[in-house]
PDB file of N, CA and C in Angstrom:
ATOM      1  N   UNK A   1       0.951  -1.179   0.059  1.00  0.00           N
ATOM      2  CA  UNK A   1       0.267  -0.020   0.145  1.00  0.00           C
ATOM      3  C   UNK A   1       0.368   1.193  -0.071  1.00  0.00           C
ATOM      4  N   UNK A   2       1.909   1.166   0.422  1.00  0.00           N
ATOM      5  CA  UNK A   2       2.945   2.592   0.698  1.00  0.00           C
ATOM      6  C   UNK A   2       3.455   3.117  -0.634  1.00  0.00           C
ATOM      7  N   UNK A   3       3.890   1.765  -1.411  1.00  0.00           N
ATOM      8  CA  UNK A   3       4.345   1.997  -2.722  1.00  0.00           C
ATOM      9  C   UNK A   3       3.337   2.324  -3.758  1.00  0.00           C
ATOM     10  N   UNK A   4       2.283   1.967  -3.265  1.00  0.00           N
ATOM     11  CA  UNK A   4       1.126   2.417  -4.539  1.00  0.00           C
ATOM     12  C   UNK A   4       0.060   3.749  -4.129  1.00  0.00           C
ATOM     13  N   UNK A   5       0.193   4.150  -2.970  1.00  0.00           N
ATOM     14  CA  UNK A   5      -0.691   5.046  -2.216  1.00  0.00           C
ATOM     15  C   UNK A   5       0.092   6.387  -3.163  1.00  0.00           C
ATOM     16  N   UNK A   6       1.363   6.453  -3.329  1.00  0.00           N
ATOM     17  CA  UNK A   6       1.993   8.081  -3.777  1.00  0.00           C
ATOM     18  C   UNK A   6       1.766   7.754  -5.370  1.00  0.00           C
ATOM     19  N   UNK A   7       1.328   6.773  -5.869  1.00  0.00           N
ATOM     20  CA  UNK A   7       0.633   6.635  -7.562  1.00  0.00           C
ATOM     21  C   UNK A   7      -0.748   7.160  -7.425  1.00  0.00           C
ATOM     22  N   UNK A   8      -1.862   6.895  -6.710  1.00  0.00           N
ATOM     23  CA  UNK A   8      -2.666   7.237  -6.837  1.00  0.00           C
ATOM     24  C   UNK A   8      -3.462   7.304  -5.054  1.00  0.00           C
ATOM     25  N   UNK A   9      -3.169   8.752  -5.072  1.00  0.00           N
ATOM     26  CA  UNK A   9      -3.378   8.836  -3.493  1.00  0.00           C
ATOM     27  C   UNK A   9      -4.709   9.251  -3.313  1.00  0.00           C
ATOM     28  N   UNK A  10      -5.720   9.662  -4.434  1.00  0.00           N
ATOM     29  CA  UNK A  10      -7.214   9.920  -4.198  1.00  0.00           C
ATOM     30  C   UNK A  10      -7.723   8.452  -3.644  1.00  0.00           C
ATOM     31  N   UNK A  11      -7.408   7.419  -4.860  1.00  0.00           N
ATOM     32  CA  UNK A  11      -8.469   6.098  -4.245  1.00  0.00           C
ATOM     33  C   UNK A  11      -7.792   5.721  -2.904  1.00  0.00           C
ATOM     34  N   UNK A  12      -6.539   6.029  -2.009  1.00  0.00           N
ATOM     35  CA  UNK A  12      -6.174   5.625  -0.741  1.00  0.00           C
ATOM     36  C   UNK A  12      -6.966   6.504  -0.052  1.00  0.00           C
ATOM     37  N   UNK A  13      -7.087   7.913  -0.254  1.00  0.00           N
ATOM     38  CA  UNK A  13      -8.045   8.664   0.582  1.00  0.00           C
ATOM     39  C   UNK A  13      -9.174   8.105   0.563  1.00  0.00           C
ATOM     40  N   UNK A  14      -9.909   7.648  -0.222  1.00  0.00           N
ATOM     41  CA  UNK A  14     -11.413   6.682  -0.095  1.00  0.00           C
ATOM     42  C   UNK A  14     -11.211   5.838   1.050  1.00  0.00           C
ATOM     43  N   UNK A  15     -10.167   5.057   0.569  1.00  0.00           N
ATOM     44  CA  UNK A  15     -10.174   3.838   1.251  1.00  0.00           C
ATOM     45  C   UNK A  15     -10.223   4.432   3.128  1.00  0.00           C
ATOM     46  N   UNK A  16      -9.303   5.457   3.132  1.00  0.00           N
ATOM     47  CA  UNK A  16      -9.314   5.848   4.774  1.00  0.00           C
ATOM     48  C   UNK A  16     -10.613   6.765   5.021  1.00  0.00           C
ATOM     49  N   UNK A  17     -11.346   6.984   4.103  1.00  0.00           N
ATOM     50  CA  UNK A  17     -12.733   7.629   4.232  1.00  0.00           C
ATOM     51  C   UNK A  17     -13.839   6.180   4.589  1.00  0.00           C
ATOM     52  N   UNK A  18     -13.262   5.374   4.290  1.00  0.00           N
ATOM     53  CA  UNK A  18     -14.251   3.850   4.388  1.00  0.00           C
ATOM     54  C   UNK A  18     -13.984   3.556   5.440  1.00  0.00           C
ATOM     55  N   UNK A  19     -12.605   3.233   5.767  1.00  0.00           N
ATOM     56  CA  UNK A  19     -12.383   2.815   6.941  1.00  0.00           C
ATOM     57  C   UNK A  19     -12.388   3.327   8.409  1.00  0.00           C
ATOM     58  N   UNK A  20     -13.364   5.066   8.212  1.00  0.00           N
ATOM     59  CA  UNK A  20     -13.314   5.697   8.819  1.00  0.00           C
ATOM     60  C   UNK A  20     -12.202   6.578   9.737  1.00  0.00           C
ATOM     61  N   UNK A  21     -11.244   6.407   8.944  1.00  0.00           N
ATOM     62  CA  UNK A  21      -9.880   7.437   9.378  1.00  0.00           C
ATOM     63  C   UNK A  21     -10.058   8.603   9.165  1.00  0.00           C
ATOM     64  N   UNK A  22      -9.864   9.184  10.957  1.00  0.00           N
ATOM     65  CA  UNK A  22      -9.947  10.826  10.547  1.00  0.00           C
ATOM     66  C   UNK A  22      -9.020  11.304   9.713  1.00  0.00           C
ATOM     67  N   UNK A  23      -9.355  12.559   9.183  1.00  0.00           N
ATOM     68  CA  UNK A  23      -8.917  13.013   8.112  1.00  0.00           C
ATOM     69  C   UNK A  23      -7.788  14.015   8.752  1.00  0.00           C
ATOM     70  N   UNK A  24      -6.889  13.917   8.089  1.00  0.00           N
ATOM     71  CA  UNK A  24      -5.244  14.498   8.999  1.00  0.00           C
ATOM     72  C   UNK A  24      -4.991  15.733   8.147  1.00  0.00           C
ATOM     73  N   UNK A  25      -5.642  16.001   6.556  1.00  0.00           N
ATOM     74  CA  UNK A  25      -5.124  17.340   5.836  1.00  0.00           C
ATOM     75  C   UNK A  25      -4.213  17.061   4.791  1.00  0.00           C
ATOM     76  N   UNK A  26      -3.366  15.762   4.602  1.00  0.00           N
ATOM     77  CA  UNK A  26      -2.412  15.589   4.368  1.00  0.00           C
ATOM     78  C   UNK A  26      -3.019  14.607   2.867  1.00  0.00           C
ATOM     79  N   UNK A  27      -3.860  14.212   2.660  1.00  0.00           N
ATOM     80  CA  UNK A  27      -4.506  13.957   1.029  1.00  0.00           C
ATOM     81  C   UNK A  27      -3.631  12.839   0.502  1.00  0.00           C
ATOM     82  N   UNK A  28      -2.432  12.677   0.958  1.00  0.00           N
ATOM     83  CA  UNK A  28      -1.483  11.372   0.592  1.00  0.00           C
ATOM     84  C   UNK A  28      -1.875  10.195   0.385  1.00  0.00           C
ATOM     85  N   UNK A  29      -2.919   9.601   0.964  1.00  0.00           N
ATOM     86  CA  UNK A  29      -2.776   8.554   1.218  1.00  0.00           C
ATOM     87  C   UNK A  29      -2.643   7.701   2.937  1.00  0.00           C
ATOM     88  N   UNK A  30      -1.613   8.459   3.350  1.00  0.00           N
ATOM     89  CA  UNK A  30      -0.917   7.572   4.232  1.00  0.00           C
ATOM     90  C   UNK A  30      -2.282   7.232   5.247  1.00  0.00           C
ATOM     91  N   UNK A  31      -2.519   7.818   5.345  1.00  0.00           N
ATOM     92  CA  UNK A  31      -3.782   7.520   6.543  1.00  0.00           C
ATOM     93  C   UNK A  31      -4.651   6.072   6.522  1.00  0.00           C
ATOM     94  N   UNK A  32      -4.798   5.801   4.778  1.00  0.00           N
ATOM     95  CA  UNK A  32      -5.115   4.541   4.878  1.00  0.00           C
ATOM     96  C   UNK A  32      -4.483   3.589   5.232  1.00  0.00           C
ATOM     97  N   UNK A  33      -3.036   3.917   5.161  1.00  0.00           N
ATOM     98  CA  UNK A  33      -2.054   2.691   5.209  1.00  0.00           C
ATOM     99  C   UNK A  33      -1.730   2.270   6.743  1.00  0.00           C
ATOM    100  N   UNK A  34      -2.247   3.849   7.362  1.00  0.00           N
ATOM    101  CA  UNK A  34      -2.251   3.635   8.822  1.00  0.00           C
ATOM    102  C   UNK A  34      -3.345   3.006   9.482  1.00  0.00           C
ATOM    103  N   UNK A  35      -4.807   2.990   8.824  1.00  0.00           N
ATOM    104  CA  UNK A  35      -5.679   2.189   8.990  1.00  0.00           C
ATOM    105  C   UNK A  35      -5.818   0.793   8.947  1.00  0.00           C
ATOM    106  N   UNK A  36      -5.074   0.617   7.908  1.00  0.00           N
ATOM    107  CA  UNK A  36      -5.073  -0.875   7.806  1.00  0.00           C
ATOM    108  C   UNK A  36      -3.901  -1.823   8.173  1.00  0.00           C
ATOM    109  N   UNK A  37      -2.803  -1.049   8.926  1.00  0.00           N
ATOM    110  CA  UNK A  37      -2.099  -1.610   9.985  1.00  0.00           C
ATOM    111  C   UNK A  37      -2.528  -1.667  11.234  1.00  0.00           C
ATOM    112  N   UNK A  38      -3.773  -0.595  11.615  1.00  0.00           N
ATOM    113  CA  UNK A  38      -4.331  -0.681  13.147  1.00  0.00           C
ATOM    114  C   UNK A  38      -4.858  -1.646  12.791  1.00  0.00           C
ATOM    115  N   UNK A  39      -6.348  -1.979  11.642  1.00  0.00           N
ATOM    116  CA  UNK A  39      -7.060  -3.047  12.033  1.00  0.00           C
ATOM    117  C   UNK A  39      -6.468  -4.301  11.765  1.00  0.00           C
ATOM    118  N   UNK A  40      -5.166  -4.936  11.140  1.00  0.00           N
ATOM    119  CA  UNK A  40      -4.530  -5.712  11.450  1.00  0.00           C
ATOM    120  C   UNK A  40      -3.973  -6.081  12.616  1.00  0.00           C
ATOM    121  N   UNK A  41      -3.480  -5.103  13.127  1.00  0.00           N
ATOM    122  CA  UNK A  41      -2.955  -5.505  14.513  1.00  0.00           C
ATOM    123  C   UNK A  41      -4.411  -6.204  15.728  1.00  0.00           C
ATOM    124  N   UNK A  42      -5.387  -5.271  15.397  1.00  0.00           N
ATOM    125  CA  UNK A  42      -6.231  -4.989  16.150  1.00  0.00           C
ATOM    126  C   UNK A  42      -7.318  -6.856  15.863  1.00  0.00           C
ATOM    127  N   UNK A  43      -6.728  -7.326  14.806  1.00  0.00           N
ATOM    128  CA  UNK A  43      -7.423  -8.370  14.768  1.00  0.00           C
ATOM    129  C   UNK A  43      -6.549  -9.910  14.978  1.00  0.00           C
ATOM    130  N   UNK A  44      -4.920  -8.930  15.128  1.00  0.00           N
ATOM    131  CA  UNK A  44      -4.211 -10.290  15.347  1.00  0.00           C
ATOM    132  C   UNK A  44      -4.000 -10.895  14.198  1.00  0.00           C
ATOM    133  N   UNK A  45      -3.973 -10.219  12.964  1.00  0.00           N
ATOM    134  CA  UNK A  45      -3.650 -11.194  11.546  1.00  0.00           C
ATOM    135  C   UNK A  45      -2.167 -11.437  11.701  1.00  0.00           C
ATOM    136  N   UNK A  46      -2.096 -12.731  11.005  1.00  0.00           N
ATOM    137  CA  UNK A  46      -0.467 -13.378  11.064  1.00  0.00           C
ATOM    138  C   UNK A  46       0.682 -12.267  10.469  1.00  0.00           C
ATOM    139  N   UNK A  47       1.621 -11.987  10.921  1.00  0.00           N
ATOM    140  CA  UNK A  47       2.451 -11.284  10.189  1.00  0.00           C
ATOM    141  C   UNK A  47       3.238 -12.139   9.729  1.00  0.00           C
ATOM    142  N   UNK A  48       4.394 -11.805   8.440  1.00  0.00           N
ATOM    143  CA  UNK A  48       5.368 -12.578   8.244  1.00  0.00           C
ATOM    144  C   UNK A  48       6.321 -13.320   8.978  1.00  0.00           C
ATOM    145  N   UNK A  49       6.881 -12.476  10.190  1.00  0.00           N
ATOM    146  CA  UNK A  49       7.817 -13.148  10.813  1.00  0.00           C
ATOM    147  C   UNK A  49       6.688 -14.554  11.781  1.00  0.00           C
ATOM    148  N   UNK A  50       5.452 -13.879  12.212  1.00  0.00           N
ATOM    149  CA  UNK A  50       4.915 -15.193  12.769  1.00  0.00           C
ATOM    150  C   UNK A  50       4.484 -16.305  12.235  1.00  0.00           C
ATOM    151  N   UNK A  51       4.937 -16.271  10.570  1.00  0.00           N
ATOM    152  CA  UNK A  51       4.925 -17.759   9.744  1.00  0.00           C
ATOM    153  C   UNK A  51       5.934 -18.088   9.595  1.00  0.00           C
ATOM    154  N   UNK A  52       7.174 -17.331   9.922  1.00  0.00           N
ATOM    155  CA  UNK A  52       8.405 -17.437   9.582  1.00  0.00           C
ATOM    156  C   UNK A  52       9.512 -17.051   8.656  1.00  0.00           C
ATOM    157  N   UNK A  53       9.048 -16.082   8.285  1.00  0.00           N
ATOM    158  CA  UNK A  53       9.760 -15.393   6.898  1.00  0.00           C
ATOM    159  C   UNK A  53      11.102 -14.959   7.575  1.00  0.00           C
ATOM    160  N   UNK A  54      11.845 -14.917   7.170  1.00  0.00           N
ATOM    161  CA  UNK A  54      13.144 -14.184   7.295  1.00  0.00           C
ATOM    162  C   UNK A  54      13.887 -13.504   6.109  1.00  0.00           C
ATOM    163  N   UNK A  55      14.943 -12.733   6.609  1.00  0.00           N
ATOM    164  CA  UNK A  55      15.251 -11.864   5.649  1.00  0.00           C
ATOM    165  C   UNK A  55      15.792 -12.805   4.322  1.00  0.00           C
ATOM    166  N   UNK A  56      16.239 -14.192   4.995  1.00  0.00           N
ATOM    167  CA  UNK A  56      16.604 -15.018   3.532  1.00  0.00           C
ATOM    168  C   UNK A  56      15.785 -15.390   2.847  1.00  0.00           C
ATOM    169  N   UNK A  57      14.443 -14.827   3.268  1.00  0.00           N
ATOM    170  CA  UNK A  57      13.345 -15.893   1.978  1.00  0.00           C
ATOM    171  C   UNK A  57      12.890 -14.682   1.068  1.00  0.00           C
ATOM    172  N   UNK A  58      13.274 -13.009   1.410  1.00  0.00           N
ATOM    173  CA  UNK A  58      12.952 -12.483   0.436  1.00  0.00           C
ATOM    174  C   UNK A  58      13.152 -12.390  -0.944  1.00  0.00           C
ATOM    175  N   UNK A  59      14.263 -12.497  -1.308  1.00  0.00           N
ATOM    176  CA  UNK A  59      14.833 -12.854  -2.485  1.00  0.00           C
ATOM    177  C   UNK A  59      13.775 -13.939  -3.630  1.00  0.00           C
ATOM    178  N   UNK A  60      13.252 -14.826  -3.018  1.00  0.00           N
ATOM    179  CA  UNK A  60      12.197 -16.185  -3.618  1.00  0.00           C
ATOM    180  C   UNK A  60      11.059 -15.442  -3.489  1.00  0.00           C
ATOM    181  N   UNK A  61      10.708 -14.578  -2.457  1.00  0.00           N
ATOM    182  CA  UNK A  61       9.257 -13.604  -2.111  1.00  0.00           C
ATOM    183  C   UNK A  61       8.762 -12.779  -3.599  1.00  0.00           C
ATOM    184  N   UNK A  62      10.224 -12.242  -3.593  1.00  0.00           N
ATOM    185  CA  UNK A  62       9.853 -11.003  -4.749  1.00  0.00           C
ATOM    186  C   UNK A  62       9.638 -11.515  -6.032  1.00  0.00           C
ATOM    187  N   UNK A  63      10.788 -12.552  -6.141  1.00  0.00           N
ATOM    188  CA  UNK A  63      10.445 -13.239  -7.611  1.00  0.00           C
ATOM    189  C   UNK A  63       9.117 -13.724  -7.586  1.00  0.00           C
ATOM    190  N   UNK A  64       8.442 -14.011  -6.840  1.00  0.00           N
ATOM    191  CA  UNK A  64       7.069 -15.014  -6.759  1.00  0.00           C
ATOM    192  C   UNK A  64       5.746 -14.111  -6.735  1.00  0.00           C
ATOM    193  N   UNK A  65       6.387 -13.008  -6.321  1.00  0.00           N
ATOM    194  CA  UNK A  65       5.739 -11.473  -6.058  1.00  0.00           C
ATOM    195  C   UNK A  65       5.685 -11.055  -7.679  1.00  0.00           C
ATOM    196  N   UNK A  66       6.440 -11.153  -8.274  1.00  0.00           N
ATOM    197  CA  UNK A  66       6.624 -10.414  -9.068  1.00  0.00           C
ATOM    198  C   UNK A  66       6.173 -11.141 -10.313  1.00  0.00           C
ATOM    199  N   UNK A  67       5.895 -12.306 -10.050  1.00  0.00           N
ATOM    200  CA  UNK A  67       5.254 -13.325 -11.273  1.00  0.00           C
ATOM    201  C   UNK A  67       3.615 -13.213 -11.156  1.00  0.00           C
ATOM    202  N   UNK A  68       3.174 -12.336 -10.170  1.00  0.00           N
ATOM    203  CA  UNK A  68       1.820 -12.659 -10.111  1.00  0.00           C
ATOM    204  C   UNK A  68       1.154 -11.611 -10.366  1.00  0.00           C
ATOM    205  N   UNK A  69      -0.301 -12.005 -11.254  1.00  0.00           N
ATOM    206  CA  UNK A  69      -0.778 -10.981 -12.265  1.00  0.00           C
ATOM    207  C   UNK A  69      -1.297  -9.740 -11.460  1.00  0.00           C
ATOM    208  N   UNK A  70      -1.215  -9.867 -10.528  1.00  0.00           N
ATOM    209  CA  UNK A  70      -1.900  -8.526  -9.417  1.00  0.00           C
ATOM    210  C   UNK A  70      -1.088  -7.351  -9.403  1.00  0.00           C
ATOM    211  N   UNK A  71       0.441  -7.865  -9.414  1.00  0.00           N
ATOM    212  CA  UNK A  71       1.539  -6.696  -9.340  1.00  0.00           C
ATOM    213  C   UNK A  71       1.876  -5.911 -10.529  1.00  0.00           C
ATOM    214  N   UNK A  72       1.255  -6.650 -11.926  1.00  0.00           N
ATOM    215  CA  UNK A  72       1.290  -6.150 -13.111  1.00  0.00           C
ATOM    216  C   UNK A  72       0.106  -5.511 -13.346  1.00  0.00           C
ATOM    217  N   UNK A  73      -1.035  -5.096 -12.182  1.00  0.00           N
ATOM    218  CA  UNK A  73      -1.826  -4.103 -12.696  1.00  0.00           C
ATOM    219  C   UNK A  73      -2.146  -2.676 -11.541  1.00  0.00           C
ATOM    220  N   UNK A  74      -0.716  -2.792 -10.979  1.00  0.00           N
ATOM    221  CA  UNK A  74      -0.855  -1.906 -10.030  1.00  0.00           C
ATOM    222  C   UNK A  74      -0.659  -0.627 -10.758  1.00  0.00           C
ATOM    223  N   UNK A  75      -0.717   0.672  -9.838  1.00  0.00           N
ATOM    224  CA  UNK A  75      -1.094   2.109 -10.724  1.00  0.00           C
ATOM    225  C   UNK A  75       0.870   2.320 -11.052  1.00  0.00           C
ATOM    226  N   UNK A  76       1.735   1.772 -10.337  1.00  0.00           N
ATOM    227  CA  UNK A  76       3.123   2.319 -10.730  1.00  0.00           C
ATOM    228  C   UNK A  76       3.818   0.768 -11.005  1.00  0.00           C
ATOM    229  N   UNK A  77       4.562   1.011 -11.945  1.00  0.00           N
ATOM    230  CA  UNK A  77       5.312   0.111 -11.872  1.00  0.00           C
ATOM    231  C   UNK A  77       6.218  -0.534 -10.328  1.00  0.00           C
ATOM    232  N   UNK A  78       6.650  -1.888 -10.098  1.00  0.00           N
ATOM    233  CA  UNK A  78       7.156  -2.206  -9.263  1.00  0.00           C
ATOM    234  C   UNK A  78       8.828  -3.199  -9.664  1.00  0.00           C
ATOM    235  N   UNK A  79       9.391  -2.606  -9.339  1.00  0.00           N
ATOM    236  CA  UNK A  79      10.646  -3.690  -9.123  1.00  0.00           C
ATOM    237  C   UNK A  79      11.195  -4.335  -8.378  1.00  0.00           C
ATOM    238  N   UNK A  80      12.021  -5.414  -8.208  1.00  0.00           N
ATOM    239  CA  UNK A  80      12.556  -6.644  -7.798  1.00  0.00           C
ATOM    240  C   UNK A  80      12.642  -5.789  -6.426  1.00  0.00           C
ATOM    241  N   UNK A  81      13.391  -4.615  -6.750  1.00  0.00           N
ATOM    242  CA  UNK A  81      13.796  -4.311  -5.057  1.00  0.00           C
ATOM    243  C   UNK A  81      12.703  -3.213  -4.289  1.00  0.00           C
ATOM    244  N   UNK A  82      12.189  -2.601  -5.369  1.00  0.00           N
ATOM    245  CA  UNK A  82      10.855  -2.643  -4.795  1.00  0.00           C
ATOM    246  C   UNK A  82      10.108  -3.294  -3.780  1.00  0.00           C
ATOM    247  N   UNK A  83      10.120  -4.471  -4.124  1.00  0.00           N
ATOM    248  CA  UNK A  83       8.982  -5.648  -3.739  1.00  0.00           C
ATOM    249  C   UNK A  83      10.156  -5.852  -2.685  1.00  0.00           C
ATOM    250  N   UNK A  84      11.236  -6.135  -2.376  1.00  0.00           N
ATOM    251  CA  UNK A  84      12.172  -6.793  -1.333  1.00  0.00           C
ATOM    252  C   UNK A  84      12.292  -5.793  -0.251  1.00  0.00           C
ATOM    253  N   UNK A  85      11.988  -4.111  -0.782  1.00  0.00           N
ATOM    254  CA  UNK A  85      11.843  -3.431  -0.070  1.00  0.00           C
ATOM    255  C   UNK A  85      10.236  -3.122   1.160  1.00  0.00           C
ATOM    256  N   UNK A  86       9.574  -3.540   0.504  1.00  0.00           N
ATOM    257  CA  UNK A  86       8.244  -3.811   0.769  1.00  0.00           C
ATOM    258  C   UNK A  86       8.191  -4.796   1.746  1.00  0.00           C
ATOM    259  N   UNK A  87       8.602  -5.997   1.603  1.00  0.00           N
ATOM    260  CA  UNK A  87       9.085  -7.334   2.645  1.00  0.00           C
ATOM    261  C   UNK A  87       9.905  -6.520   3.569  1.00  0.00           C
ATOM    262  N   UNK A  88      10.938  -6.202   3.699  1.00  0.00           N
ATOM    263  CA  UNK A  88      11.784  -5.722   4.611  1.00  0.00           C
ATOM    264  C   UNK A  88      11.534  -4.772   5.271  1.00  0.00           C
ATOM    265  N   UNK A  89      10.651  -3.523   5.013  1.00  0.00           N
ATOM    266  CA  UNK A  89       9.648  -3.238   5.665  1.00  0.00           C
ATOM    267  C   UNK A  89       8.982  -3.671   6.634  1.00  0.00           C
ATOM    268  N   UNK A  90       7.563  -4.597   5.971  1.00  0.00           N
ATOM    269  CA  UNK A  90       7.284  -5.666   6.774  1.00  0.00           C
ATOM    270  C   UNK A  90       7.681  -6.031   8.112  1.00  0.00           C
ATOM    271  N   UNK A  91       8.777  -6.706   7.734  1.00  0.00           N
ATOM    272  CA  UNK A  91      10.210  -7.559   8.673  1.00  0.00           C
ATOM    273  C   UNK A  91      10.370  -6.637   9.820  1.00  0.00           C
ATOM    274  N   UNK A  92      10.554  -5.661   9.509  1.00  0.00           N
ATOM    275  CA  UNK A  92      11.274  -4.160  10.475  1.00  0.00           C
ATOM    276  C   UNK A  92       9.570  -4.017  11.020  1.00  0.00           C
ATOM    277  N   UNK A  93       8.993  -3.766  10.630  1.00  0.00           N
ATOM    278  CA  UNK A  93       7.498  -2.966  11.782  1.00  0.00           C
ATOM    279  C   UNK A  93       7.378  -4.364  12.662  1.00  0.00           C
ATOM    280  N   UNK A  94       7.364  -5.511  12.090  1.00  0.00           N
ATOM    281  CA  UNK A  94       6.935  -6.562  13.016  1.00  0.00           C
ATOM    282  C   UNK A  94       7.883  -6.735  14.684  1.00  0.00           C
ATOM    283  N   UNK A  95       9.438  -6.662  13.684  1.00  0.00           N
ATOM    284  CA  UNK A  95      10.238  -6.651  15.123  1.00  0.00           C
ATOM    285  C   UNK A  95       9.825  -5.576  16.297  1.00  0.00           C
ATOM    286  N   UNK A  96       9.461  -4.083  15.570  1.00  0.00           N
ATOM    287  CA  UNK A  96       9.399  -2.938  16.584  1.00  0.00           C
ATOM    288  C   UNK A  96       8.056  -3.657  17.654  1.00  0.00           C
ATOM    289  N   UNK A  97       7.142  -4.059  16.812  1.00  0.00           N
ATOM    290  CA  UNK A  97       5.705  -4.539  17.355  1.00  0.00           C
ATOM    291  C   UNK A  97       6.167  -5.397  18.649  1.00  0.00           C
ATOM    292  N   UNK A  98       7.133  -6.553  18.609  1.00  0.00           N
ATOM    293  CA  UNK A  98       7.734  -7.618  19.717  1.00  0.00           C
ATOM    294  C   UNK A  98       7.975  -6.709  20.231  1.00  0.00           C
ATOM    295  N   UNK A  99       8.960  -5.443  20.605  1.00  0.00           N
ATOM    296  CA  UNK A  99       9.448  -5.150  21.697  1.00  0.00           C
ATOM    297  C   UNK A  99       8.361  -4.253  22.912  1.00  0.00           C
TER     298      UNK A  99
END
């Protein structure tokens, strides 16, 4: 979401509104990302680390993601490095939550 919201912030603002996120005046879609993160945390949604994903898995996961149809219709192209960075960020967020 963090990657795609930059390309179509207006759509992510609509998501934020639908999730009841308060308007913060940014208009950049970041409040949708925050609202989804909160929702996942509140529901105890499994995280990458909780299912055993490690840094060593990211290259293979990035290849699989790039082969998936969904990423080909994203509002802005993804590179392998973009995908790895997104996975790495998810692992980093998780490690912060565990402390």
